[in-house]
Amino acid sequence: LRLSCTASGSIFSTPAMSWYRQTPGNRRVWVATISSGGTTSVAA
């Protein structure tokens, strides 16, 4: 699957964008990030 995340509105700089996931009864867990400069990191 490919998920998309689109930001709109009052955007004046490039944001870092991250994905998290959560299952019922559990806390939200970080999955991946792409920095404003394009550096990526992904959970092990």
Full PDB file with SEQRES, HELIX, SHEET, SSBOND, CRYST1, ORIGX, SCALE, CONECT and MASTER records, all heavy atoms in Angstrom:
SEQRES   1 A   44  LEU ARG LEU SER CYS THR ALA SER GLY SER ILE PHE SER          
SEQRES   2 A   44  THR PRO ALA MET SER TRP TYR ARG GLN THR PRO GLY ASN          
SEQRES   3 A   44  ARG ARG VAL TRP VAL ALA THR ILE SER SER GLY GLY THR          
SEQRES   4 A   44  THR SER VAL ALA ALA                                          
SHEET    1 AA1 3 MET A  17  ARG A  21  0                                        
SHEET    2 AA1 3 VAL A  29  ILE A  34 -1                                        
SHEET    3 AA1 3 THR A  40  VAL A  42 -1                                        
CRYST1    1.000    1.000    1.000  90.00  90.00  90.00 P 1           1          
ORIGX1      1.000000  0.000000  0.000000        0.00000                         
ORIGX2      0.000000  1.000000  0.000000        0.00000                         
ORIGX3      0.000000  0.000000  1.000000        0.00000                         
SCALE1      1.000000  0.000000  0.000000        0.00000                         
SCALE2      0.000000  1.000000  0.000000        0.00000                         
SCALE3      0.000000  0.000000  1.000000        0.00000                         
ATOM      1  N   LEU A   1       0.860  -1.181   0.000  1.00  0.00           N  
ATOM      2  CA  LEU A   1       0.000   0.000   0.000  1.00  0.00           C  
ATOM      3  C   LEU A   1       0.894   1.227   0.000  1.00  0.00           C  
ATOM      4  O   LEU A   1       2.009   1.184   0.534  1.00  0.00           O  
ATOM      5  CB  LEU A   1      -0.894   0.054   1.244  1.00  0.00           C  
ATOM      6  CG  LEU A   1      -2.168  -0.757   1.293  1.00  0.00           C  
ATOM      7  CD1 LEU A   1      -2.824  -0.585   2.665  1.00  0.00           C  
ATOM      8  CD2 LEU A   1      -3.140  -0.363   0.198  1.00  0.00           C  
ATOM      9  N   ARG A   2       0.379   2.308  -0.559  1.00  0.00           N  
ATOM     10  CA  ARG A   2       1.070   3.591  -0.464  1.00  0.00           C  
ATOM     11  C   ARG A   2       0.144   4.603   0.198  1.00  0.00           C  
ATOM     12  O   ARG A   2      -0.935   4.891  -0.323  1.00  0.00           O  
ATOM     13  CB  ARG A   2       1.525   4.109  -1.830  1.00  0.00           C  
ATOM     14  CG  ARG A   2       2.432   5.333  -1.684  1.00  0.00           C  
ATOM     15  CD  ARG A   2       2.964   5.840  -3.001  1.00  0.00           C  
ATOM     16  NE  ARG A   2       1.998   6.649  -3.724  1.00  0.00           N  
ATOM     17  CZ  ARG A   2       2.320   7.543  -4.657  1.00  0.00           C  
ATOM     18  NH1 ARG A   2       3.596   7.724  -4.974  1.00  0.00           N  
ATOM     19  NH2 ARG A   2       1.380   8.211  -5.276  1.00  0.00           N  
ATOM     20  N   LEU A   3       0.582   5.116   1.320  1.00  0.00           N  
ATOM     21  CA  LEU A   3      -0.159   6.145   2.029  1.00  0.00           C  
ATOM     22  C   LEU A   3       0.341   7.520   1.600  1.00  0.00           C  
ATOM     23  O   LEU A   3       1.531   7.698   1.331  1.00  0.00           O  
ATOM     24  CB  LEU A   3       0.004   5.991   3.539  1.00  0.00           C  
ATOM     25  CG  LEU A   3      -0.345   4.628   4.139  1.00  0.00           C  
ATOM     26  CD1 LEU A   3      -0.183   4.677   5.661  1.00  0.00           C  
ATOM     27  CD2 LEU A   3      -1.733   4.194   3.756  1.00  0.00           C  
ATOM     28  N   SER A   4      -0.586   8.470   1.576  1.00  0.00           N  
ATOM     29  CA  SER A   4      -0.238   9.857   1.255  1.00  0.00           C  
ATOM     30  C   SER A   4      -0.636  10.762   2.403  1.00  0.00           C  
ATOM     31  O   SER A   4      -1.646  10.530   3.060  1.00  0.00           O  
ATOM     32  CB  SER A   4      -0.955  10.316  -0.014  1.00  0.00           C  
ATOM     33  OG  SER A   4      -0.590   9.550  -1.130  1.00  0.00           O  
ATOM     34  N   CYS A   5       0.142  11.783   2.593  1.00  0.00           N  
ATOM     35  CA  CYS A   5      -0.118  12.801   3.609  1.00  0.00           C  
ATOM     36  C   CYS A   5       0.086  14.156   2.963  1.00  0.00           C  
ATOM     37  O   CYS A   5       1.206  14.464   2.551  1.00  0.00           O  
ATOM     38  CB  CYS A   5       0.828  12.624   4.786  1.00  0.00           C  
ATOM     39  SG  CYS A   5       0.858  14.032   5.925  1.00  0.00           S  
ATOM     40  N   THR A   6      -0.981  14.928   2.901  1.00  0.00           N  
ATOM     41  CA  THR A   6      -0.903  16.228   2.249  1.00  0.00           C  
ATOM     42  C   THR A   6      -1.188  17.349   3.233  1.00  0.00           C  
ATOM     43  O   THR A   6      -2.205  17.308   3.927  1.00  0.00           O  
ATOM     44  CB  THR A   6      -1.887  16.318   1.076  1.00  0.00           C  
ATOM     45  OG1 THR A   6      -1.560  15.316   0.112  1.00  0.00           O  
ATOM     46  CG2 THR A   6      -1.808  17.678   0.407  1.00  0.00           C  
ATOM     47  N   ALA A   7      -0.292  18.306   3.271  1.00  0.00           N  
ATOM     48  CA  ALA A   7      -0.462  19.484   4.116  1.00  0.00           C  
ATOM     49  C   ALA A   7      -0.903  20.667   3.263  1.00  0.00           C  
ATOM     50  O   ALA A   7      -0.420  20.855   2.145  1.00  0.00           O  
ATOM     51  CB  ALA A   7       0.844  19.808   4.832  1.00  0.00           C  
ATOM     52  N   SER A   8      -1.820  21.456   3.798  1.00  0.00           N  
ATOM     53  CA  SER A   8      -2.287  22.634   3.079  1.00  0.00           C  
ATOM     54  C   SER A   8      -2.603  23.735   4.082  1.00  0.00           C  
ATOM     55  O   SER A   8      -2.699  23.486   5.283  1.00  0.00           O  
ATOM     56  CB  SER A   8      -3.527  22.305   2.244  1.00  0.00           C  
ATOM     57  OG  SER A   8      -4.585  21.877   3.070  1.00  0.00           O  
ATOM     58  N   GLY A   9      -2.759  24.938   3.563  1.00  0.00           N  
ATOM     59  CA  GLY A   9      -3.076  26.063   4.437  1.00  0.00           C  
ATOM     60  C   GLY A   9      -1.908  27.017   4.552  1.00  0.00           C  
ATOM     61  O   GLY A   9      -1.201  27.273   3.593  1.00  0.00           O  
ATOM     62  N   SER A  10      -1.709  27.535   5.746  1.00  0.00           N  
ATOM     63  CA  SER A  10      -0.683  28.557   5.988  1.00  0.00           C  
ATOM     64  C   SER A  10       0.687  27.909   6.159  1.00  0.00           C  
ATOM     65  O   SER A  10       1.185  27.735   7.267  1.00  0.00           O  
ATOM     66  CB  SER A  10      -1.053  29.371   7.222  1.00  0.00           C  
ATOM     67  OG  SER A  10      -2.325  29.974   7.068  1.00  0.00           O  
ATOM     68  N   ILE A  11       1.278  27.545   5.026  1.00  0.00           N  
ATOM     69  CA  ILE A  11       2.582  26.879   5.037  1.00  0.00           C  
ATOM     70  C   ILE A  11       3.618  27.844   4.502  1.00  0.00           C  
ATOM     71  O   ILE A  11       3.544  28.255   3.344  1.00  0.00           O  
ATOM     72  CB  ILE A  11       2.545  25.592   4.202  1.00  0.00           C  
ATOM     73  CG1 ILE A  11       1.522  24.618   4.791  1.00  0.00           C  
ATOM     74  CG2 ILE A  11       3.931  24.953   4.164  1.00  0.00           C  
ATOM     75  CD1 ILE A  11       1.303  23.382   3.957  1.00  0.00           C  
ATOM     76  N   PHE A  12       4.607  28.202   5.331  1.00  0.00           N  
ATOM     77  CA  PHE A  12       5.605  29.186   4.929  1.00  0.00           C  
ATOM     78  C   PHE A  12       7.010  28.592   4.904  1.00  0.00           C  
ATOM     79  O   PHE A  12       7.965  29.265   4.546  1.00  0.00           O  
ATOM     80  CB  PHE A  12       5.559  30.386   5.873  1.00  0.00           C  
ATOM     81  CG  PHE A  12       4.203  31.007   5.955  1.00  0.00           C  
ATOM     82  CD1 PHE A  12       3.403  30.834   7.070  1.00  0.00           C  
ATOM     83  CD2 PHE A  12       3.698  31.750   4.894  1.00  0.00           C  
ATOM     84  CE1 PHE A  12       2.139  31.407   7.142  1.00  0.00           C  
ATOM     85  CE2 PHE A  12       2.440  32.325   4.955  1.00  0.00           C  
ATOM     86  CZ  PHE A  12       1.663  32.148   6.088  1.00  0.00           C  
ATOM     87  N   SER A  13       7.109  27.328   5.312  1.00  0.00           N  
ATOM     88  CA  SER A  13       8.394  26.658   5.265  1.00  0.00           C  
ATOM     89  C   SER A  13       8.147  25.174   5.069  1.00  0.00           C  
ATOM     90  O   SER A  13       7.034  24.689   5.275  1.00  0.00           O  
ATOM     91  CB  SER A  13       9.166  26.895   6.569  1.00  0.00           C  
ATOM     92  OG  SER A  13       8.453  26.371   7.670  1.00  0.00           O  
ATOM     93  N   THR A  14       9.175  24.471   4.677  1.00  0.00           N  
ATOM     94  CA  THR A  14       9.046  23.036   4.452  1.00  0.00           C  
ATOM     95  C   THR A  14       9.038  22.310   5.787  1.00  0.00           C  
ATOM     96  O   THR A  14       9.997  22.420   6.555  1.00  0.00           O  
ATOM     97  CB  THR A  14      10.205  22.519   3.600  1.00  0.00           C  
ATOM     98  OG1 THR A  14      10.203  23.213   2.352  1.00  0.00           O  
ATOM     99  CG2 THR A  14      10.049  21.032   3.343  1.00  0.00           C  
ATOM    100  N   PRO A  15       8.004  21.559   6.069  1.00  0.00           N  
ATOM    101  CA  PRO A  15       7.946  20.860   7.355  1.00  0.00           C  
ATOM    102  C   PRO A  15       8.668  19.524   7.307  1.00  0.00           C  
ATOM    103  O   PRO A  15       8.863  18.945   6.238  1.00  0.00           O  
ATOM    104  CB  PRO A  15       6.452  20.634   7.547  1.00  0.00           C  
ATOM    105  CG  PRO A  15       5.940  20.446   6.156  1.00  0.00           C  
ATOM    106  CD  PRO A  15       6.765  21.376   5.286  1.00  0.00           C  
ATOM    107  N   ALA A  16       9.068  19.057   8.455  1.00  0.00           N  
ATOM    108  CA  ALA A  16       9.405  17.643   8.586  1.00  0.00           C  
ATOM    109  C   ALA A  16       8.077  16.899   8.654  1.00  0.00           C  
ATOM    110  O   ALA A  16       7.132  17.370   9.279  1.00  0.00           O  
ATOM    111  CB  ALA A  16      10.220  17.403   9.853  1.00  0.00           C  
ATOM    112  N   MET A  17       8.007  15.764   8.004  1.00  0.00           N  
ATOM    113  CA  MET A  17       6.757  15.016   7.977  1.00  0.00           C  
ATOM    114  C   MET A  17       7.027  13.601   8.466  1.00  0.00           C  
ATOM    115  O   MET A  17       8.003  12.966   8.052  1.00  0.00           O  
ATOM    116  CB  MET A  17       6.157  15.029   6.565  1.00  0.00           C  
ATOM    117  CG  MET A  17       5.886  16.444   6.069  1.00  0.00           C  
ATOM    118  SD  MET A  17       5.266  16.546   4.386  1.00  0.00           S  
ATOM    119  CE  MET A  17       3.530  16.137   4.630  1.00  0.00           C  
ATOM    120  N   SER A  18       6.175  13.145   9.355  1.00  0.00           N  
ATOM    121  CA  SER A  18       6.386  11.848   9.983  1.00  0.00           C  
ATOM    122  C   SER A  18       5.117  11.019   9.941  1.00  0.00           C  
ATOM    123  O   SER A  18       4.015  11.551   9.970  1.00  0.00           O  
ATOM    124  CB  SER A  18       6.801  12.022  11.451  1.00  0.00           C  
ATOM    125  OG  SER A  18       8.019  12.727  11.557  1.00  0.00           O  
ATOM    126  N   TRP A  19       5.318   9.730   9.924  1.00  0.00           N  
ATOM    127  CA  TRP A  19       4.219   8.778  10.044  1.00  0.00           C  
ATOM    128  C   TRP A  19       4.318   8.067  11.384  1.00  0.00           C  
ATOM    129  O   TRP A  19       5.410   7.684  11.822  1.00  0.00           O  
ATOM    130  CB  TRP A  19       4.263   7.748   8.920  1.00  0.00           C  
ATOM    131  CG  TRP A  19       3.844   8.280   7.596  1.00  0.00           C  
ATOM    132  CD1 TRP A  19       4.645   8.737   6.591  1.00  0.00           C  
ATOM    133  CD2 TRP A  19       2.496   8.419   7.124  1.00  0.00           C  
ATOM    134  NE1 TRP A  19       3.883   9.153   5.527  1.00  0.00           N  
ATOM    135  CE2 TRP A  19       2.566   8.960   5.818  1.00  0.00           C  
ATOM    136  CE3 TRP A  19       1.242   8.134   7.661  1.00  0.00           C  
ATOM    137  CZ2 TRP A  19       1.428   9.219   5.062  1.00  0.00           C  
ATOM    138  CZ3 TRP A  19       0.112   8.396   6.902  1.00  0.00           C  
ATOM    139  CH2 TRP A  19       0.214   8.934   5.622  1.00  0.00           C  
ATOM    140  N   TYR A  20       3.173   7.894  11.994  1.00  0.00           N  
ATOM    141  CA  TYR A  20       3.034   7.129  13.230  1.00  0.00           C  
ATOM    142  C   TYR A  20       1.919   6.117  13.006  1.00  0.00           C  
ATOM    143  O   TYR A  20       1.085   6.263  12.115  1.00  0.00           O  
ATOM    144  CB  TYR A  20       2.653   8.032  14.396  1.00  0.00           C  
ATOM    145  CG  TYR A  20       3.752   8.977  14.841  1.00  0.00           C  
ATOM    146  CD1 TYR A  20       4.075  10.109  14.107  1.00  0.00           C  
ATOM    147  CD2 TYR A  20       4.467   8.734  16.018  1.00  0.00           C  
ATOM    148  CE1 TYR A  20       5.081  10.970  14.514  1.00  0.00           C  
ATOM    149  CE2 TYR A  20       5.469   9.597  16.436  1.00  0.00           C  
ATOM    150  CZ  TYR A  20       5.762  10.706  15.677  1.00  0.00           C  
ATOM    151  OH  TYR A  20       6.755  11.556  16.092  1.00  0.00           O  
ATOM    152  N   ARG A  21       1.878   5.099  13.862  1.00  0.00           N  
ATOM    153  CA  ARG A  21       0.761   4.163  13.812  1.00  0.00           C  
ATOM    154  C   ARG A  21       0.332   3.794  15.213  1.00  0.00           C  
ATOM    155  O   ARG A  21       1.122   3.845  16.162  1.00  0.00           O  
ATOM    156  CB  ARG A  21       1.115   2.920  12.992  1.00  0.00           C  
ATOM    157  CG  ARG A  21       2.200   2.038  13.566  1.00  0.00           C  
ATOM    158  CD  ARG A  21       2.534   0.923  12.560  1.00  0.00           C  
ATOM    159  NE  ARG A  21       3.529  -0.022  13.086  1.00  0.00           N  
ATOM    160  CZ  ARG A  21       4.041  -1.033  12.386  1.00  0.00           C  
ATOM    161  NH1 ARG A  21       3.659  -1.226  11.117  1.00  0.00           N  
ATOM    162  NH2 ARG A  21       4.934  -1.841  12.925  1.00  0.00           N  
ATOM    163  N   GLN A  22      -0.928   3.425  15.305  1.00  0.00           N  
ATOM    164  CA  GLN A  22      -1.501   3.115  16.614  1.00  0.00           C  
ATOM    165  C   GLN A  22      -2.531   2.015  16.472  1.00  0.00           C  
ATOM    166  O   GLN A  22      -3.362   2.032  15.555  1.00  0.00           O  
ATOM    167  CB  GLN A  22      -2.142   4.364  17.210  1.00  0.00           C  
ATOM    168  CG  GLN A  22      -2.629   4.212  18.621  1.00  0.00           C  
ATOM    169  CD  GLN A  22      -3.099   5.531  19.203  1.00  0.00           C  
ATOM    170  OE1 GLN A  22      -3.487   6.452  18.493  1.00  0.00           O  
ATOM    171  NE2 GLN A  22      -3.059   5.645  20.532  1.00  0.00           N  
ATOM    172  N   THR A  23      -2.473   1.069  17.392  1.00  0.00           N  
ATOM    173  CA  THR A  23      -3.481   0.015  17.480  1.00  0.00           C  
ATOM    174  C   THR A  23      -4.300   0.241  18.747  1.00  0.00           C  
ATOM    175  O   THR A  23      -3.840   0.900  19.682  1.00  0.00           O  
ATOM    176  CB  THR A  23      -2.823  -1.364  17.506  1.00  0.00           C  
ATOM    177  OG1 THR A  23      -1.841  -1.413  18.559  1.00  0.00           O  
ATOM    178  CG2 THR A  23      -2.120  -1.663  16.184  1.00  0.00           C  
ATOM    179  N   PRO A  24      -5.517  -0.306  18.788  1.00  0.00           N  
ATOM    180  CA  PRO A  24      -6.398  -0.071  19.938  1.00  0.00           C  
ATOM    181  C   PRO A  24      -5.741  -0.454  21.260  1.00  0.00           C  
ATOM    182  O   PRO A  24      -5.155  -1.539  21.380  1.00  0.00           O  
ATOM    183  CB  PRO A  24      -7.598  -0.966  19.632  1.00  0.00           C  
ATOM    184  CG  PRO A  24      -7.629  -1.044  18.144  1.00  0.00           C  
ATOM    185  CD  PRO A  24      -6.196  -1.069  17.726  1.00  0.00           C  
ATOM    186  N   GLY A  25      -5.812   0.441  22.197  1.00  0.00           N  
ATOM    187  CA  GLY A  25      -5.283   0.178  23.528  1.00  0.00           C  
ATOM    188  C   GLY A  25      -3.800   0.422  23.687  1.00  0.00           C  
ATOM    189  O   GLY A  25      -3.243   0.230  24.781  1.00  0.00           O  
ATOM    190  N   ASN A  26      -3.158   0.817  22.604  1.00  0.00           N  
ATOM    191  CA  ASN A  26      -1.713   1.045  22.641  1.00  0.00           C  
ATOM    192  C   ASN A  26      -1.380   2.495  22.294  1.00  0.00           C  
ATOM    193  O   ASN A  26      -2.184   3.209  21.698  1.00  0.00           O  
ATOM    194  CB  ASN A  26      -1.006   0.105  21.664  1.00  0.00           C  
ATOM    195  CG  ASN A  26      -1.141  -1.344  22.076  1.00  0.00           C  
ATOM    196  OD1 ASN A  26      -0.787  -1.729  23.180  1.00  0.00           O  
ATOM    197  ND2 ASN A  26      -1.688  -2.159  21.176  1.00  0.00           N  
ATOM    198  N   ARG A  27      -0.189   2.891  22.669  1.00  0.00           N  
ATOM    199  CA  ARG A  27       0.220   4.248  22.357  1.00  0.00           C  
ATOM    200  C   ARG A  27       0.647   4.353  20.900  1.00  0.00           C  
ATOM    201  O   ARG A  27       0.926   3.357  20.233  1.00  0.00           O  
ATOM    202  CB  ARG A  27       1.381   4.668  23.261  1.00  0.00           C  
ATOM    203  CG  ARG A  27       2.648   3.845  23.065  1.00  0.00           C  
ATOM    204  CD  ARG A  27       3.751   4.311  24.004  1.00  0.00           C  
ATOM    205  NE  ARG A  27       4.961   3.507  23.836  1.00  0.00           N  
ATOM    206  CZ  ARG A  27       5.895   3.767  22.936  1.00  0.00           C  
ATOM    207  NH1 ARG A  27       5.754   4.803  22.131  1.00  0.00           N  
ATOM    208  NH2 ARG A  27       6.956   2.997  22.846  1.00  0.00           N  
ATOM    209  N   ARG A  28       0.651   5.584  20.422  1.00  0.00           N  
ATOM    210  CA  ARG A  28       1.089   5.855  19.068  1.00  0.00           C  
ATOM    211  C   ARG A  28       2.590   5.588  18.948  1.00  0.00           C  
ATOM    212  O   ARG A  28       3.365   5.966  19.828  1.00  0.00           O  
ATOM    213  CB  ARG A  28       0.773   7.309  18.734  1.00  0.00           C  
ATOM    214  CG  ARG A  28       0.965   7.716  17.306  1.00  0.00           C  
ATOM    215  CD  ARG A  28       0.575   9.184  17.165  1.00  0.00           C  
ATOM    216  NE  ARG A  28      -0.861   9.384  17.169  1.00  0.00           N  
ATOM    217  CZ  ARG A  28      -1.421  10.567  17.391  1.00  0.00           C  
ATOM    218  NH1 ARG A  28      -0.682  11.624  17.662  1.00  0.00           N  
ATOM    219  NH2 ARG A  28      -2.738  10.685  17.349  1.00  0.00           N  
ATOM    220  N   VAL A  29       2.979   4.933  17.864  1.00  0.00           N  
ATOM    221  CA  VAL A  29       4.366   4.540  17.669  1.00  0.00           C  
ATOM    222  C   VAL A  29       4.906   5.183  16.391  1.00  0.00           C  
ATOM    223  O   VAL A  29       4.254   5.149  15.348  1.00  0.00           O  
ATOM    224  CB  VAL A  29       4.492   3.001  17.577  1.00  0.00           C  
ATOM    225  CG1 VAL A  29       5.922   2.584  17.256  1.00  0.00           C  
ATOM    226  CG2 VAL A  29       4.036   2.354  18.871  1.00  0.00           C  
ATOM    227  N   TRP A  30       6.098   5.727  16.488  1.00  0.00           N  
ATOM    228  CA  TRP A  30       6.736   6.360  15.339  1.00  0.00           C  
ATOM    229  C   TRP A  30       7.118   5.315  14.294  1.00  0.00           C  
ATOM    230  O   TRP A  30       7.616   4.233  14.637  1.00  0.00           O  
ATOM    231  CB  TRP A  30       7.979   7.123  15.800  1.00  0.00           C  
ATOM    232  CG  TRP A  30       8.815   7.635  14.685  1.00  0.00           C  
ATOM    233  CD1 TRP A  30       8.555   8.721  13.875  1.00  0.00           C  
ATOM    234  CD2 TRP A  30      10.065   7.102  14.218  1.00  0.00           C  
ATOM    235  NE1 TRP A  30       9.558   8.893  12.957  1.00  0.00           N  
ATOM    236  CE2 TRP A  30      10.496   7.905  13.146  1.00  0.00           C  
ATOM    237  CE3 TRP A  30      10.846   6.022  14.614  1.00  0.00           C  
ATOM    238  CZ2 TRP A  30      11.688   7.666  12.462  1.00  0.00           C  
ATOM    239  CZ3 TRP A  30      12.031   5.776  13.945  1.00  0.00           C  
ATOM    240  CH2 TRP A  30      12.438   6.594  12.867  1.00  0.00           C  
ATOM    241  N   VAL A  31       6.906   5.656  13.013  1.00  0.00           N  
ATOM    242  CA  VAL A  31       7.228   4.746  11.923  1.00  0.00           C  
ATOM    243  C   VAL A  31       8.352   5.289  11.045  1.00  0.00           C  
ATOM    244  O   VAL A  31       9.318   4.590  10.740  1.00  0.00           O  
ATOM    245  CB  VAL A  31       5.973   4.482  11.050  1.00  0.00           C  
ATOM    246  CG1 VAL A  31       6.331   3.627   9.837  1.00  0.00           C  
ATOM    247  CG2 VAL A  31       4.884   3.813  11.877  1.00  0.00           C  
ATOM    248  N   ALA A  32       8.205   6.553  10.619  1.00  0.00           N  
ATOM    249  CA  ALA A  32       9.199   7.099   9.687  1.00  0.00           C  
ATOM    250  C   ALA A  32       9.103   8.614   9.662  1.00  0.00           C  
ATOM    251  O   ALA A  32       8.049   9.184   9.970  1.00  0.00           O  
ATOM    252  CB  ALA A  32       8.976   6.542   8.281  1.00  0.00           C  
ATOM    253  N   THR A  33      10.198   9.263   9.278  1.00  0.00           N  
ATOM    254  CA  THR A  33      10.268  10.712   9.161  1.00  0.00           C  
ATOM    255  C   THR A  33      11.078  11.098   7.938  1.00  0.00           C  
ATOM    256  O   THR A  33      12.071  10.442   7.617  1.00  0.00           O  
ATOM    257  CB  THR A  33      10.934  11.331  10.408  1.00  0.00           C  
ATOM    258  OG1 THR A  33      10.115  11.096  11.549  1.00  0.00           O  
ATOM    259  CG2 THR A  33      11.129  12.828  10.246  1.00  0.00           C  
ATOM    260  N   ILE A  34      10.626  12.166   7.293  1.00  0.00           N  
ATOM    261  CA  ILE A  34      11.442  12.815   6.275  1.00  0.00           C  
ATOM    262  C   ILE A  34      11.601  14.260   6.724  1.00  0.00           C  
ATOM    263  O   ILE A  34      10.620  14.951   6.979  1.00  0.00           O  
ATOM    264  CB  ILE A  34      10.841  12.687   4.858  1.00  0.00           C  
ATOM    265  CG1 ILE A  34      11.780  13.301   3.823  1.00  0.00           C  
ATOM    266  CG2 ILE A  34       9.445  13.262   4.759  1.00  0.00           C  
ATOM    267  CD1 ILE A  34      11.468  12.871   2.391  1.00  0.00           C  
ATOM    268  N   SER A  35      12.847  14.685   6.856  1.00  0.00           N  
ATOM    269  CA  SER A  35      13.125  16.021   7.366  1.00  0.00           C  
ATOM    270  C   SER A  35      12.829  17.081   6.305  1.00  0.00           C  
ATOM    271  O   SER A  35      12.603  16.766   5.124  1.00  0.00           O  
ATOM    272  CB  SER A  35      14.584  16.115   7.804  1.00  0.00           C  
ATOM    273  OG  SER A  35      15.431  16.154   6.659  1.00  0.00           O  
ATOM    274  N   SER A  36      12.872  18.328   6.711  1.00  0.00           N  
ATOM    275  CA  SER A  36      12.657  19.408   5.750  1.00  0.00           C  
ATOM    276  C   SER A  36      13.705  19.386   4.646  1.00  0.00           C  
ATOM    277  O   SER A  36      13.430  19.795   3.512  1.00  0.00           O  
ATOM    278  CB  SER A  36      12.669  20.759   6.472  1.00  0.00           C  
ATOM    279  OG  SER A  36      13.899  20.944   7.145  1.00  0.00           O  
ATOM    280  N   GLY A  37      14.865  18.877   4.953  1.00  0.00           N  
ATOM    281  CA  GLY A  37      15.931  18.786   3.957  1.00  0.00           C  
ATOM    282  C   GLY A  37      15.924  17.502   3.146  1.00  0.00           C  
ATOM    283  O   GLY A  37      16.743  17.342   2.243  1.00  0.00           O  
ATOM    284  N   GLY A  38      15.008  16.597   3.487  1.00  0.00           N  
ATOM    285  CA  GLY A  38      14.887  15.370   2.712  1.00  0.00           C  
ATOM    286  C   GLY A  38      15.557  14.147   3.317  1.00  0.00           C  
ATOM    287  O   GLY A  38      15.512  13.062   2.737  1.00  0.00           O  
ATOM    288  N   THR A  39      16.153  14.300   4.484  1.00  0.00           N  
ATOM    289  CA  THR A  39      16.760  13.143   5.144  1.00  0.00           C  
ATOM    290  C   THR A  39      15.661  12.240   5.685  1.00  0.00           C  
ATOM    291  O   THR A  39      14.710  12.716   6.293  1.00  0.00           O  
ATOM    292  CB  THR A  39      17.665  13.592   6.290  1.00  0.00           C  
ATOM    293  OG1 THR A  39      18.689  14.443   5.766  1.00  0.00           O  
ATOM    294  CG2 THR A  39      18.310  12.391   6.970  1.00  0.00           C  
ATOM    295  N   THR A  40      15.815  10.954   5.455  1.00  0.00           N  
ATOM    296  CA  THR A  40      14.788  10.014   5.900  1.00  0.00           C  
ATOM    297  C   THR A  40      15.301   9.114   7.011  1.00  0.00           C  
ATOM    298  O   THR A  40      16.500   8.814   7.097  1.00  0.00           O  
ATOM    299  CB  THR A  40      14.305   9.140   4.737  1.00  0.00           C  
ATOM    300  OG1 THR A  40      15.406   8.365   4.240  1.00  0.00           O  
ATOM    301  CG2 THR A  40      13.734   9.989   3.615  1.00  0.00           C  
ATOM    302  N   SER A  41      14.381   8.697   7.853  1.00  0.00           N  
ATOM    303  CA  SER A  41      14.677   7.710   8.884  1.00  0.00           C  
ATOM    304  C   SER A  41      13.444   6.844   9.051  1.00  0.00           C  
ATOM    305  O   SER A  41      12.314   7.316   8.925  1.00  0.00           O  
ATOM    306  CB  SER A  41      15.081   8.374  10.201  1.00  0.00           C  
ATOM    307  OG  SER A  41      14.105   9.299  10.617  1.00  0.00           O  
ATOM    308  N   VAL A  42      13.682   5.570   9.305  1.00  0.00           N  
ATOM    309  CA  VAL A  42      12.599   4.587   9.378  1.00  0.00           C  
ATOM    310  C   VAL A  42      12.820   3.716  10.607  1.00  0.00           C  
ATOM    311  O   VAL A  42      13.957   3.334  10.900  1.00  0.00           O  
ATOM    312  CB  VAL A  42      12.568   3.729   8.097  1.00  0.00           C  
ATOM    313  CG1 VAL A  42      11.448   2.699   8.168  1.00  0.00           C  
ATOM    314  CG2 VAL A  42      12.386   4.607   6.870  1.00  0.00           C  
ATOM    315  N   ALA A  43      11.753   3.394  11.294  1.00  0.00           N  
ATOM    316  CA  ALA A  43      11.848   2.552  12.480  1.00  0.00           C  
ATOM    317  C   ALA A  43      12.422   1.181  12.116  1.00  0.00           C  
ATOM    318  O   ALA A  43      12.140   0.641  11.043  1.00  0.00           O  
ATOM    319  CB  ALA A  43      10.474   2.391  13.117  1.00  0.00           C  
ATOM    320  N   ALA A  44      13.183   0.627  13.012  1.00  0.00           N  
ATOM    321  CA  ALA A  44      13.826  -0.661  12.772  1.00  0.00           C  
ATOM    322  C   ALA A  44      12.804  -1.753  12.466  1.00  0.00           C  
ATOM    323  O   ALA A  44      13.078  -2.669  11.679  1.00  0.00           O  
ATOM    324  CB  ALA A  44      14.682  -1.040  13.974  1.00  0.00           C  
TER     325      ALA A  44                                                      
MASTER        0    0    0    0    3    0    0    6  324    1    0    4          
END                                                                             
